[in-house]
Amino acid sequence: MYVTNLYNTVVPLIRFEVTDEVRFLEEPCPCGSVIHPHVLRTCLSQQHLVEYQVRQTARGADISAVTSASDAVDTNALAARIEDALRNLGLPAPTVTIATVDSVDRQASGKRKRFVPYN
């Protein structure tokens, strides 16, 4: 497959060959991950969040969200929207909790791990 991406004007990708192989599994991934981050990122990016961290759970996700003082976020409505998105992907009876926090934990390197898979 070849990809052309002119969005990044500093380093555009022109006819970049992607040689990755993809295989669909009939059973759940051995790592325990069943939720693609894009599903959550789509809903979360529509909010005025400073930052967030998603921890995948057996039935959905626990989300820690940092908001600015001037932007109130309806966490119940946001959780319901994410649950609907997960339900549309086939996850039966998803449960999503969102807690507003002052900060999100960072790794020892100082980097934030935005998505934490289910273990």
PDB file of N, CA and C in Angstrom:
ATOM      1  N   MET A   1       0.841  -1.150   0.000  1.00  0.00           N
ATOM      2  CA  MET A   1       0.000   0.000   0.000  1.00  0.00           C
ATOM      3  C   MET A   1       0.901   1.231   0.000  1.00  0.00           C
ATOM      4  N   TYR A   2       0.512   2.235  -0.747  1.00  0.00           N
ATOM      5  CA  TYR A   2       1.261   3.484  -0.784  1.00  0.00           C
ATOM      6  C   TYR A   2       0.414   4.595  -0.179  1.00  0.00           C
ATOM      7  N   VAL A   3       1.077   5.472   0.576  1.00  0.00           N
ATOM      8  CA  VAL A   3       0.397   6.570   1.250  1.00  0.00           C
ATOM      9  C   VAL A   3       1.011   7.882   0.805  1.00  0.00           C
ATOM     10  N   THR A   4       0.151   8.858   0.531  1.00  0.00           N
ATOM     11  CA  THR A   4       0.611  10.220   0.268  1.00  0.00           C
ATOM     12  C   THR A   4      -0.075  11.128   1.271  1.00  0.00           C
ATOM     13  N   ASN A   5       0.710  11.844   2.053  1.00  0.00           N
ATOM     14  CA  ASN A   5       0.184  12.748   3.069  1.00  0.00           C
ATOM     15  C   ASN A   5       0.865  14.087   2.890  1.00  0.00           C
ATOM     16  N   LEU A   6       0.127  15.063   2.405  1.00  0.00           N
ATOM     17  CA  LEU A   6       0.683  16.400   2.192  1.00  0.00           C
ATOM     18  C   LEU A   6       0.318  17.348   3.323  1.00  0.00           C
ATOM     19  N   TYR A   7      -0.330  16.814   4.366  1.00  0.00           N
ATOM     20  CA  TYR A   7      -0.738  17.647   5.485  1.00  0.00           C
ATOM     21  C   TYR A   7       0.466  18.206   6.227  1.00  0.00           C
ATOM     22  N   ASN A   8       1.483  17.391   6.430  1.00  0.00           N
ATOM     23  CA  ASN A   8       2.701  17.829   7.102  1.00  0.00           C
ATOM     24  C   ASN A   8       3.595  18.484   6.054  1.00  0.00           C
ATOM     25  N   THR A   9       3.630  19.801   6.037  1.00  0.00           N
ATOM     26  CA  THR A   9       4.389  20.510   4.999  1.00  0.00           C
ATOM     27  C   THR A   9       5.897  20.476   5.237  1.00  0.00           C
ATOM     28  N   VAL A  10       6.337  20.128   6.431  1.00  0.00           N
ATOM     29  CA  VAL A  10       7.765  20.050   6.721  1.00  0.00           C
ATOM     30  C   VAL A  10       8.350  18.759   6.149  1.00  0.00           C
ATOM     31  N   VAL A  11       7.640  17.648   6.389  1.00  0.00           N
ATOM     32  CA  VAL A  11       8.097  16.355   5.882  1.00  0.00           C
ATOM     33  C   VAL A  11       6.903  15.637   5.250  1.00  0.00           C
ATOM     34  N   PRO A  12       6.535  16.025   4.032  1.00  0.00           N
ATOM     35  CA  PRO A  12       5.397  15.356   3.393  1.00  0.00           C
ATOM     36  C   PRO A  12       5.760  13.923   2.996  1.00  0.00           C
ATOM     37  N   LEU A  13       4.788  13.054   3.076  1.00  0.00           N
ATOM     38  CA  LEU A  13       4.979  11.674   2.635  1.00  0.00           C
ATOM     39  C   LEU A  13       4.383  11.564   1.228  1.00  0.00           C
ATOM     40  N   ILE A  14       5.216  11.229   0.279  1.00  0.00           N
ATOM     41  CA  ILE A  14       4.755  11.089  -1.097  1.00  0.00           C
ATOM     42  C   ILE A  14       5.045   9.667  -1.555  1.00  0.00           C
ATOM     43  N   ARG A  15       3.969   8.931  -1.832  1.00  0.00           N
ATOM     44  CA  ARG A  15       4.072   7.528  -2.248  1.00  0.00           C
ATOM     45  C   ARG A  15       4.935   6.724  -1.278  1.00  0.00           C
ATOM     46  N   PHE A  16       4.670   6.908   0.018  1.00  0.00           N
ATOM     47  CA  PHE A  16       5.371   6.170   1.067  1.00  0.00           C
ATOM     48  C   PHE A  16       4.803   4.755   1.112  1.00  0.00           C
ATOM     49  N   GLU A  17       5.676   3.763   0.955  1.00  0.00           N
ATOM     50  CA  GLU A  17       5.208   2.385   0.929  1.00  0.00           C
ATOM     51  C   GLU A  17       5.067   1.844   2.351  1.00  0.00           C
ATOM     52  N   VAL A  18       3.903   1.321   2.647  1.00  0.00           N
ATOM     53  CA  VAL A  18       3.638   0.685   3.929  1.00  0.00           C
ATOM     54  C   VAL A  18       3.631  -0.815   3.673  1.00  0.00           C
ATOM     55  N   THR A  19       4.566  -1.507   4.291  1.00  0.00           N
ATOM     56  CA  THR A  19       4.688  -2.946   4.060  1.00  0.00           C
ATOM     57  C   THR A  19       4.204  -3.762   5.251  1.00  0.00           C
ATOM     58  N   ASP A  20       3.508  -3.119   6.162  1.00  0.00           N
ATOM     59  CA  ASP A  20       2.978  -3.832   7.322  1.00  0.00           C
ATOM     60  C   ASP A  20       1.990  -4.904   6.872  1.00  0.00           C
ATOM     61  N   GLU A  21       1.940  -5.969   7.623  1.00  0.00           N
ATOM     62  CA  GLU A  21       0.971  -7.026   7.369  1.00  0.00           C
ATOM     63  C   GLU A  21      -0.088  -6.983   8.458  1.00  0.00           C
ATOM     64  N   VAL A  22      -1.326  -7.208   8.058  1.00  0.00           N
ATOM     65  CA  VAL A  22      -2.446  -7.175   8.988  1.00  0.00           C
ATOM     66  C   VAL A  22      -3.146  -8.528   8.935  1.00  0.00           C
ATOM     67  N   ARG A  23      -3.530  -8.999  10.105  1.00  0.00           N
ATOM     68  CA  ARG A  23      -4.261 -10.258  10.177  1.00  0.00           C
ATOM     69  C   ARG A  23      -5.418 -10.073  11.147  1.00  0.00           C
ATOM     70  N   PHE A  24      -6.597 -10.445  10.736  1.00  0.00           N
ATOM     71  CA  PHE A  24      -7.760 -10.365  11.603  1.00  0.00           C
ATOM     72  C   PHE A  24      -7.834 -11.625  12.445  1.00  0.00           C
ATOM     73  N   LEU A  25      -8.033 -11.439  13.736  1.00  0.00           N
ATOM     74  CA  LEU A  25      -8.105 -12.563  14.656  1.00  0.00           C
ATOM     75  C   LEU A  25      -9.559 -12.900  14.943  1.00  0.00           C
ATOM     76  N   GLU A  26      -9.840 -14.163  15.056  1.00  0.00           N
ATOM     77  CA  GLU A  26     -11.187 -14.613  15.402  1.00  0.00           C
ATOM     78  C   GLU A  26     -11.436 -14.513  16.907  1.00  0.00           C
ATOM     79  N   GLU A  27     -10.360 -14.516  17.694  1.00  0.00           N
ATOM     80  CA  GLU A  27     -10.472 -14.463  19.145  1.00  0.00           C
ATOM     81  C   GLU A  27      -9.897 -13.127  19.638  1.00  0.00           C
ATOM     82  N   PRO A  28     -10.174 -12.761  20.883  1.00  0.00           N
ATOM     83  CA  PRO A  28      -9.635 -11.508  21.426  1.00  0.00           C
ATOM     84  C   PRO A  28      -8.108 -11.484  21.393  1.00  0.00           C
ATOM     85  N   CYS A  29      -7.554 -10.305  21.319  1.00  0.00           N
ATOM     86  CA  CYS A  29      -6.107 -10.129  21.310  1.00  0.00           C
ATOM     87  C   CYS A  29      -5.519 -10.670  22.617  1.00  0.00           C
ATOM     88  N   PRO A  30      -4.399 -11.399  22.543  1.00  0.00           N
ATOM     89  CA  PRO A  30      -3.781 -11.940  23.764  1.00  0.00           C
ATOM     90  C   PRO A  30      -3.354 -10.860  24.752  1.00  0.00           C
ATOM     91  N   CYS A  31      -3.134  -9.628  24.260  1.00  0.00           N
ATOM     92  CA  CYS A  31      -2.711  -8.553  25.166  1.00  0.00           C
ATOM     93  C   CYS A  31      -3.868  -8.023  26.001  1.00  0.00           C
ATOM     94  N   GLY A  32      -5.102  -8.412  25.641  1.00  0.00           N
ATOM     95  CA  GLY A  32      -6.262  -7.973  26.405  1.00  0.00           C
ATOM     96  C   GLY A  32      -6.919  -6.725  25.852  1.00  0.00           C
ATOM     97  N   SER A  33      -6.323  -6.094  24.870  1.00  0.00           N
ATOM     98  CA  SER A  33      -6.878  -4.865  24.314  1.00  0.00           C
ATOM     99  C   SER A  33      -8.030  -5.177  23.375  1.00  0.00           C
ATOM    100  N   VAL A  34      -9.172  -4.557  23.611  1.00  0.00           N
ATOM    101  CA  VAL A  34     -10.321  -4.746  22.727  1.00  0.00           C
ATOM    102  C   VAL A  34     -10.850  -3.417  22.213  1.00  0.00           C
ATOM    103  N   ILE A  35     -10.277  -2.347  22.655  1.00  0.00           N
ATOM    104  CA  ILE A  35     -10.772  -1.021  22.271  1.00  0.00           C
ATOM    105  C   ILE A  35      -9.665  -0.265  21.559  1.00  0.00           C
ATOM    106  N   HIS A  36      -9.940   0.174  20.360  1.00  0.00           N
ATOM    107  CA  HIS A  36      -8.957   0.987  19.653  1.00  0.00           C
ATOM    108  C   HIS A  36      -9.014   2.407  20.208  1.00  0.00           C
ATOM    109  N   PRO A  37      -7.860   3.022  20.481  1.00  0.00           N
ATOM    110  CA  PRO A  37      -7.843   4.373  21.059  1.00  0.00           C
ATOM    111  C   PRO A  37      -8.604   5.411  20.228  1.00  0.00           C
ATOM    112  N   HIS A  38      -8.694   5.201  18.918  1.00  0.00           N
ATOM    113  CA  HIS A  38      -9.374   6.184  18.066  1.00  0.00           C
ATOM    114  C   HIS A  38     -10.840   6.369  18.467  1.00  0.00           C
ATOM    115  N   VAL A  39     -11.475   5.297  18.917  1.00  0.00           N
ATOM    116  CA  VAL A  39     -12.874   5.367  19.322  1.00  0.00           C
ATOM    117  C   VAL A  39     -13.035   6.360  20.464  1.00  0.00           C
ATOM    118  N   LEU A  40     -12.147   6.268  21.432  1.00  0.00           N
ATOM    119  CA  LEU A  40     -12.217   7.163  22.590  1.00  0.00           C
ATOM    120  C   LEU A  40     -11.722   8.559  22.241  1.00  0.00           C
ATOM    121  N   ARG A  41     -10.635   8.627  21.484  1.00  0.00           N
ATOM    122  CA  ARG A  41     -10.048   9.917  21.116  1.00  0.00           C
ATOM    123  C   ARG A  41     -11.052  10.790  20.364  1.00  0.00           C
ATOM    124  N   THR A  42     -11.868  10.169  19.522  1.00  0.00           N
ATOM    125  CA  THR A  42     -12.862  10.922  18.759  1.00  0.00           C
ATOM    126  C   THR A  42     -13.830  11.641  19.688  1.00  0.00           C
ATOM    127  N   CYS A  43     -14.333  10.947  20.685  1.00  0.00           N
ATOM    128  CA  CYS A  43     -15.272  11.563  21.636  1.00  0.00           C
ATOM    129  C   CYS A  43     -14.583  12.575  22.541  1.00  0.00           C
ATOM    130  N   LEU A  44     -13.397  12.231  23.027  1.00  0.00           N
ATOM    131  CA  LEU A  44     -12.688  13.097  23.973  1.00  0.00           C
ATOM    132  C   LEU A  44     -12.178  14.378  23.324  1.00  0.00           C
ATOM    133  N   SER A  45     -11.817  14.314  22.054  1.00  0.00           N
ATOM    134  CA  SER A  45     -11.271  15.505  21.390  1.00  0.00           C
ATOM    135  C   SER A  45     -12.326  16.567  21.134  1.00  0.00           C
ATOM    136  N   GLN A  46     -13.584  16.205  21.246  1.00  0.00           N
ATOM    137  CA  GLN A  46     -14.663  17.175  21.043  1.00  0.00           C
ATOM    138  C   GLN A  46     -14.947  17.976  22.306  1.00  0.00           C
ATOM    139  N   GLN A  47     -14.249  17.678  23.373  1.00  0.00           N
ATOM    140  CA  GLN A  47     -14.419  18.377  24.648  1.00  0.00           C
ATOM    141  C   GLN A  47     -13.244  19.319  24.880  1.00  0.00           C
ATOM    142  N   HIS A  48     -13.408  20.224  25.814  1.00  0.00           N
ATOM    143  CA  HIS A  48     -12.328  21.145  26.171  1.00  0.00           C
ATOM    144  C   HIS A  48     -11.542  20.556  27.339  1.00  0.00           C
ATOM    145  N   LEU A  49     -10.763  19.514  27.033  1.00  0.00           N
ATOM    146  CA  LEU A  49      -9.950  18.872  28.057  1.00  0.00           C
ATOM    147  C   LEU A  49      -8.504  19.328  27.919  1.00  0.00           C
ATOM    148  N   VAL A  50      -7.855  19.588  29.047  1.00  0.00           N
ATOM    149  CA  VAL A  50      -6.438  19.944  29.038  1.00  0.00           C
ATOM    150  C   VAL A  50      -5.626  18.699  28.702  1.00  0.00           C
ATOM    151  N   GLU A  51      -5.957  17.590  29.350  1.00  0.00           N
ATOM    152  CA  GLU A  51      -5.352  16.302  29.061  1.00  0.00           C
ATOM    153  C   GLU A  51      -6.226  15.219  29.664  1.00  0.00           C
ATOM    154  N   TYR A  52      -5.943  13.977  29.274  1.00  0.00           N
ATOM    155  CA  TYR A  52      -6.720  12.860  29.785  1.00  0.00           C
ATOM    156  C   TYR A  52      -5.881  11.589  29.737  1.00  0.00           C
ATOM    157  N   GLN A  53      -6.336  10.606  30.510  1.00  0.00           N
ATOM    158  CA  GLN A  53      -5.727   9.287  30.473  1.00  0.00           C
ATOM    159  C   GLN A  53      -6.850   8.259  30.538  1.00  0.00           C
ATOM    160  N   VAL A  54      -6.798   7.292  29.614  1.00  0.00           N
ATOM    161  CA  VAL A  54      -7.810   6.252  29.522  1.00  0.00           C
ATOM    162  C   VAL A  54      -7.205   4.937  29.992  1.00  0.00           C
ATOM    163  N   ARG A  55      -7.847   4.328  30.957  1.00  0.00           N
ATOM    164  CA  ARG A  55      -7.436   2.998  31.423  1.00  0.00           C
ATOM    165  C   ARG A  55      -8.540   2.024  31.009  1.00  0.00           C
ATOM    166  N   GLN A  56      -8.175   1.108  30.125  1.00  0.00           N
ATOM    167  CA  GLN A  56      -9.139   0.133  29.654  1.00  0.00           C
ATOM    168  C   GLN A  56      -9.505  -0.805  30.780  1.00  0.00           C
ATOM    169  N   THR A  57     -10.783  -1.124  30.894  1.00  0.00           N
ATOM    170  CA  THR A  57     -11.275  -2.071  31.884  1.00  0.00           C
ATOM    171  C   THR A  57     -11.898  -3.259  31.149  1.00  0.00           C
ATOM    172  N   ALA A  58     -12.296  -4.268  31.888  1.00  0.00           N
ATOM    173  CA  ALA A  58     -12.896  -5.450  31.273  1.00  0.00           C
ATOM    174  C   ALA A  58     -14.179  -5.114  30.523  1.00  0.00           C
ATOM    175  N   ARG A  59     -14.893  -4.073  30.959  1.00  0.00           N
ATOM    176  CA  ARG A  59     -16.178  -3.734  30.337  1.00  0.00           C
ATOM    177  C   ARG A  59     -16.194  -2.382  29.657  1.00  0.00           C
ATOM    178  N   GLY A  60     -15.053  -1.686  29.580  1.00  0.00           N
ATOM    179  CA  GLY A  60     -15.040  -0.368  28.963  1.00  0.00           C
ATOM    180  C   GLY A  60     -13.798   0.398  29.316  1.00  0.00           C
ATOM    181  N   ALA A  61     -13.974   1.527  30.056  1.00  0.00           N
ATOM    182  CA  ALA A  61     -12.816   2.358  30.369  1.00  0.00           C
ATOM    183  C   ALA A  61     -13.075   3.228  31.589  1.00  0.00           C
ATOM    184  N   ASP A  62     -11.984   3.498  32.319  1.00  0.00           N
ATOM    185  CA  ASP A  62     -11.973   4.507  33.378  1.00  0.00           C
ATOM    186  C   ASP A  62     -11.103   5.645  32.856  1.00  0.00           C
ATOM    187  N   ILE A  63     -11.645   6.836  32.837  1.00  0.00           N
ATOM    188  CA  ILE A  63     -10.957   7.975  32.241  1.00  0.00           C
ATOM    189  C   ILE A  63     -10.709   9.037  33.298  1.00  0.00           C
ATOM    190  N   SER A  64      -9.462   9.502  33.370  1.00  0.00           N
ATOM    191  CA  SER A  64      -9.104  10.643  34.216  1.00  0.00           C
ATOM    192  C   SER A  64      -8.980  11.839  33.297  1.00  0.00           C
ATOM    193  N   ALA A  65      -9.701  12.916  33.601  1.00  0.00           N
ATOM    194  CA  ALA A  65      -9.719  14.083  32.726  1.00  0.00           C
ATOM    195  C   ALA A  65      -9.351  15.342  33.495  1.00  0.00           C
ATOM    196  N   VAL A  66      -8.466  16.132  32.900  1.00  0.00           N
ATOM    197  CA  VAL A  66      -8.089  17.429  33.457  1.00  0.00           C
ATOM    198  C   VAL A  66      -8.790  18.488  32.617  1.00  0.00           C
ATOM    199  N   THR A  67      -9.562  19.336  33.283  1.00  0.00           N
ATOM    200  CA  THR A  67     -10.271  20.398  32.579  1.00  0.00           C
ATOM    201  C   THR A  67      -9.739  21.743  33.034  1.00  0.00           C
ATOM    202  N   SER A  68      -9.946  22.735  32.194  1.00  0.00           N
ATOM    203  CA  SER A  68      -9.558  24.086  32.606  1.00  0.00           C
ATOM    204  C   SER A  68     -10.664  24.641  33.494  1.00  0.00           C
ATOM    205  N   ALA A  69     -10.322  25.628  34.304  1.00  0.00           N
ATOM    206  CA  ALA A  69     -11.281  26.203  35.247  1.00  0.00           C
ATOM    207  C   ALA A  69     -12.463  26.849  34.528  1.00  0.00           C
ATOM    208  N   SER A  70     -12.250  27.322  33.304  1.00  0.00           N
ATOM    209  CA  SER A  70     -13.307  28.037  32.597  1.00  0.00           C
ATOM    210  C   SER A  70     -14.210  27.126  31.761  1.00  0.00           C
ATOM    211  N   ASP A  71     -13.797  25.884  31.533  1.00  0.00           N
ATOM    212  CA  ASP A  71     -14.582  24.988  30.689  1.00  0.00           C
ATOM    213  C   ASP A  71     -15.137  23.826  31.501  1.00  0.00           C
ATOM    214  N   ALA A  72     -16.449  23.858  31.720  1.00  0.00           N
ATOM    215  CA  ALA A  72     -17.094  22.756  32.422  1.00  0.00           C
ATOM    216  C   ALA A  72     -17.387  21.642  31.417  1.00  0.00           C
ATOM    217  N   VAL A  73     -17.156  20.405  31.829  1.00  0.00           N
ATOM    218  CA  VAL A  73     -17.412  19.248  30.982  1.00  0.00           C
ATOM    219  C   VAL A  73     -18.461  18.388  31.663  1.00  0.00           C
ATOM    220  N   ASP A  74     -19.520  18.060  30.939  1.00  0.00           N
ATOM    221  CA  ASP A  74     -20.552  17.177  31.456  1.00  0.00           C
ATOM    222  C   ASP A  74     -20.035  15.745  31.340  1.00  0.00           C
ATOM    223  N   THR A  75     -19.422  15.249  32.408  1.00  0.00           N
ATOM    224  CA  THR A  75     -18.777  13.930  32.363  1.00  0.00           C
ATOM    225  C   THR A  75     -19.789  12.803  32.174  1.00  0.00           C
ATOM    226  N   ASN A  76     -21.001  12.957  32.695  1.00  0.00           N
ATOM    227  CA  ASN A  76     -22.019  11.921  32.517  1.00  0.00           C
ATOM    228  C   ASN A  76     -22.428  11.810  31.049  1.00  0.00           C
ATOM    229  N   ALA A  77     -22.630  12.942  30.397  1.00  0.00           N
ATOM    230  CA  ALA A  77     -23.010  12.930  28.976  1.00  0.00           C
ATOM    231  C   ALA A  77     -21.859  12.398  28.118  1.00  0.00           C
ATOM    232  N   LEU A  78     -20.633  12.778  28.461  1.00  0.00           N
ATOM    233  CA  LEU A  78     -19.475  12.304  27.715  1.00  0.00           C
ATOM    234  C   LEU A  78     -19.313  10.792  27.884  1.00  0.00           C
ATOM    235  N   ALA A  79     -19.479  10.286  29.098  1.00  0.00           N
ATOM    236  CA  ALA A  79     -19.385   8.845  29.340  1.00  0.00           C
ATOM    237  C   ALA A  79     -20.465   8.101  28.549  1.00  0.00           C
ATOM    238  N   ALA A  80     -21.666   8.647  28.511  1.00  0.00           N
ATOM    239  CA  ALA A  80     -22.758   8.015  27.755  1.00  0.00           C
ATOM    240  C   ALA A  80     -22.444   7.993  26.258  1.00  0.00           C
ATOM    241  N   ARG A  81     -21.858   9.063  25.748  1.00  0.00           N
ATOM    242  CA  ARG A  81     -21.493   9.128  24.321  1.00  0.00           C
ATOM    243  C   ARG A  81     -20.420   8.076  23.992  1.00  0.00           C
ATOM    244  N   ILE A  82     -19.446   7.915  24.880  1.00  0.00           N
ATOM    245  CA  ILE A  82     -18.400   6.913  24.660  1.00  0.00           C
ATOM    246  C   ILE A  82     -18.987   5.504  24.756  1.00  0.00           C
ATOM    247  N   GLU A  83     -19.874   5.289  25.727  1.00  0.00           N
ATOM    248  CA  GLU A  83     -20.524   3.986  25.851  1.00  0.00           C
ATOM    249  C   GLU A  83     -21.310   3.640  24.579  1.00  0.00           C
ATOM    250  N   ASP A  84     -22.000   4.626  24.005  1.00  0.00           N
ATOM    251  CA  ASP A  84     -22.730   4.400  22.750  1.00  0.00           C
ATOM    252  C   ASP A  84     -21.775   4.015  21.622  1.00  0.00           C
ATOM    253  N   ALA A  85     -20.629   4.701  21.551  1.00  0.00           N
ATOM    254  CA  ALA A  85     -19.648   4.393  20.505  1.00  0.00           C
ATOM    255  C   ALA A  85     -19.112   2.975  20.674  1.00  0.00           C
ATOM    256  N   LEU A  86     -18.852   2.572  21.906  1.00  0.00           N
ATOM    257  CA  LEU A  86     -18.356   1.216  22.166  1.00  0.00           C
ATOM    258  C   LEU A  86     -19.426   0.165  21.872  1.00  0.00           C
ATOM    259  N   ARG A  87     -20.675   0.500  22.217  1.00  0.00           N
ATOM    260  CA  ARG A  87     -21.782  -0.410  21.942  1.00  0.00           C
ATOM    261  C   ARG A  87     -21.949  -0.594  20.428  1.00  0.00           C
ATOM    262  N   ASN A  88     -21.793   0.483  19.672  1.00  0.00           N
ATOM    263  CA  ASN A  88     -21.898   0.403  18.211  1.00  0.00           C
ATOM    264  C   ASN A  88     -20.802  -0.453  17.604  1.00  0.00           C
ATOM    265  N   LEU A  89     -19.691  -0.614  18.313  1.00  0.00           N
ATOM    266  CA  LEU A  89     -18.604  -1.468  17.840  1.00  0.00           C
ATOM    267  C   LEU A  89     -18.756  -2.922  18.285  1.00  0.00           C
ATOM    268  N   GLY A  90     -19.813  -3.190  19.034  1.00  0.00           N
ATOM    269  CA  GLY A  90     -20.078  -4.568  19.419  1.00  0.00           C
ATOM    270  C   GLY A  90     -19.704  -4.938  20.836  1.00  0.00           C
ATOM    271  N   LEU A  91     -19.269  -3.979  21.642  1.00  0.00           N
ATOM    272  CA  LEU A  91     -18.953  -4.286  23.039  1.00  0.00           C
ATOM    273  C   LEU A  91     -20.263  -4.312  23.825  1.00  0.00           C
ATOM    274  N   PRO A  92     -20.664  -5.479  24.347  1.00  0.00           N
ATOM    275  CA  PRO A  92     -21.949  -5.554  25.044  1.00  0.00           C
ATOM    276  C   PRO A  92     -21.894  -4.845  26.393  1.00  0.00           C
ATOM    277  N   ALA A  93     -22.881  -4.034  26.650  1.00  0.00           N
ATOM    278  CA  ALA A  93     -23.045  -3.338  27.933  1.00  0.00           C
ATOM    279  C   ALA A  93     -21.767  -2.665  28.424  1.00  0.00           C
ATOM    280  N   PRO A  94     -21.189  -1.745  27.640  1.00  0.00           N
ATOM    281  CA  PRO A  94     -19.963  -1.080  28.095  1.00  0.00           C
ATOM    282  C   PRO A  94     -20.218  -0.163  29.287  1.00  0.00           C
ATOM    283  N   THR A  95     -19.196  -0.026  30.122  1.00  0.00           N
ATOM    284  CA  THR A  95     -19.250   0.864  31.269  1.00  0.00           C
ATOM    285  C   THR A  95     -18.066   1.819  31.195  1.00  0.00           C
ATOM    286  N   VAL A  96     -18.344   3.111  31.201  1.00  0.00           N
ATOM    287  CA  VAL A  96     -17.300   4.136  31.147  1.00  0.00           C
ATOM    288  C   VAL A  96     -17.488   5.066  32.326  1.00  0.00           C
ATOM    289  N   THR A  97     -16.408   5.298  33.069  1.00  0.00           N
ATOM    290  CA  THR A  97     -16.438   6.281  34.150  1.00  0.00           C
ATOM    291  C   THR A  97     -15.439   7.377  33.821  1.00  0.00           C
ATOM    292  N   ILE A  98     -15.798   8.596  34.155  1.00  0.00           N
ATOM    293  CA  ILE A  98     -14.909   9.736  33.927  1.00  0.00           C
ATOM    294  C   ILE A  98     -14.798  10.517  35.227  1.00  0.00           C
ATOM    295  N   ALA A  99     -13.574  10.701  35.680  1.00  0.00           N
ATOM    296  CA  ALA A  99     -13.308  11.465  36.901  1.00  0.00           C
ATOM    297  C   ALA A  99     -12.466  12.675  36.530  1.00  0.00           C
ATOM    298  N   THR A 100     -12.866  13.843  37.002  1.00  0.00           N
ATOM    299  CA  THR A 100     -12.030  15.021  36.783  1.00  0.00           C
ATOM    300  C   THR A 100     -10.946  15.028  37.860  1.00  0.00           C
ATOM    301  N   VAL A 101      -9.727  15.261  37.428  1.00  0.00           N
ATOM    302  CA  VAL A 101      -8.564  15.235  38.312  1.00  0.00           C
ATOM    303  C   VAL A 101      -7.729  16.491  38.071  1.00  0.00           C
ATOM    304  N   ASP A 102      -6.809  16.754  38.989  1.00  0.00           N
ATOM    305  CA  ASP A 102      -5.933  17.921  38.840  1.00  0.00           C
ATOM    306  C   ASP A 102      -4.797  17.665  37.856  1.00  0.00           C
ATOM    307  N   SER A 103      -4.333  16.405  37.775  1.00  0.00           N
ATOM    308  CA  SER A 103      -3.254  16.063  36.856  1.00  0.00           C
ATOM    309  C   SER A 103      -3.322  14.581  36.525  1.00  0.00           C
ATOM    310  N   VAL A 104      -2.671  14.225  35.441  1.00  0.00           N
ATOM    311  CA  VAL A 104      -2.620  12.837  34.997  1.00  0.00           C
ATOM    312  C   VAL A 104      -1.225  12.303  35.296  1.00  0.00           C
ATOM    313  N   ASP A 105      -1.179  11.063  35.779  1.00  0.00           N
ATOM    314  CA  ASP A 105       0.108  10.444  36.099  1.00  0.00           C
ATOM    315  C   ASP A 105       1.003  10.388  34.867  1.00  0.00           C
ATOM    316  N   ARG A 106       2.283  10.562  35.117  1.00  0.00           N
ATOM    317  CA  ARG A 106       3.271  10.466  34.043  1.00  0.00           C
ATOM    318  C   ARG A 106       4.243   9.342  34.362  1.00  0.00           C
ATOM    319  N   GLN A 107       4.890   8.843  33.325  1.00  0.00           N
ATOM    320  CA  GLN A 107       5.885   7.795  33.502  1.00  0.00           C
ATOM    321  C   GLN A 107       7.151   8.414  34.081  1.00  0.00           C
ATOM    322  N   ALA A 108       8.120   7.572  34.459  1.00  0.00           N
ATOM    323  CA  ALA A 108       9.375   8.055  35.028  1.00  0.00           C
ATOM    324  C   ALA A 108      10.101   8.985  34.065  1.00  0.00           C
ATOM    325  N   SER A 109       9.902   8.787  32.761  1.00  0.00           N
ATOM    326  CA  SER A 109      10.546   9.639  31.758  1.00  0.00           C
ATOM    327  C   SER A 109       9.898  11.013  31.674  1.00  0.00           C
ATOM    328  N   GLY A 110       8.742  11.163  32.317  1.00  0.00           N
ATOM    329  CA  GLY A 110       8.018  12.428  32.253  1.00  0.00           C
ATOM    330  C   GLY A 110       6.933  12.434  31.192  1.00  0.00           C
ATOM    331  N   LYS A 111       6.930  11.401  30.346  1.00  0.00           N
ATOM    332  CA  LYS A 111       5.918  11.319  29.299  1.00  0.00           C
ATOM    333  C   LYS A 111       4.605  10.818  29.889  1.00  0.00           C
ATOM    334  N   ARG A 112       3.544  11.276  29.298  1.00  0.00           N
ATOM    335  CA  ARG A 112       2.208  10.864  29.709  1.00  0.00           C
ATOM    336  C   ARG A 112       1.799   9.650  28.875  1.00  0.00           C
ATOM    337  N   LYS A 113       1.297   8.621  29.506  1.00  0.00           N
ATOM    338  CA  LYS A 113       0.771   7.467  28.784  1.00  0.00           C
ATOM    339  C   LYS A 113      -0.732   7.678  28.679  1.00  0.00           C
ATOM    340  N   ARG A 114      -1.179   8.083  27.514  1.00  0.00           N
ATOM    341  CA  ARG A 114      -2.572   8.472  27.353  1.00  0.00           C
ATOM    342  C   ARG A 114      -3.532   7.285  27.380  1.00  0.00           C
ATOM    343  N   PHE A 115      -3.113   6.142  26.833  1.00  0.00           N
ATOM    344  CA  PHE A 115      -3.973   4.948  26.820  1.00  0.00           C
ATOM    345  C   PHE A 115      -3.264   3.799  27.523  1.00  0.00           C
ATOM    346  N   VAL A 116      -3.898   3.265  28.547  1.00  0.00           N
ATOM    347  CA  VAL A 116      -3.335   2.156  29.319  1.00  0.00           C
ATOM    348  C   VAL A 116      -4.193   0.931  29.032  1.00  0.00           C
ATOM    349  N   PRO A 117      -3.619  -0.117  28.404  1.00  0.00           N
ATOM    350  CA  PRO A 117      -4.419  -1.293  28.074  1.00  0.00           C
ATOM    351  C   PRO A 117      -4.821  -2.082  29.304  1.00  0.00           C
ATOM    352  N   TYR A 118      -5.844  -2.893  29.126  1.00  0.00           N
ATOM    353  CA  TYR A 118      -6.349  -3.764  30.172  1.00  0.00           C
ATOM    354  C   TYR A 118      -5.372  -4.902  30.420  1.00  0.00           C
ATOM    355  N   ASN A 119      -5.062  -5.163  31.655  1.00  0.00           N
ATOM    356  CA  ASN A 119      -4.154  -6.275  31.991  1.00  0.00           C
ATOM    357  C   ASN A 119      -4.867  -7.321  32.781  1.00  0.00           C
TER     358      ASN A 119
END
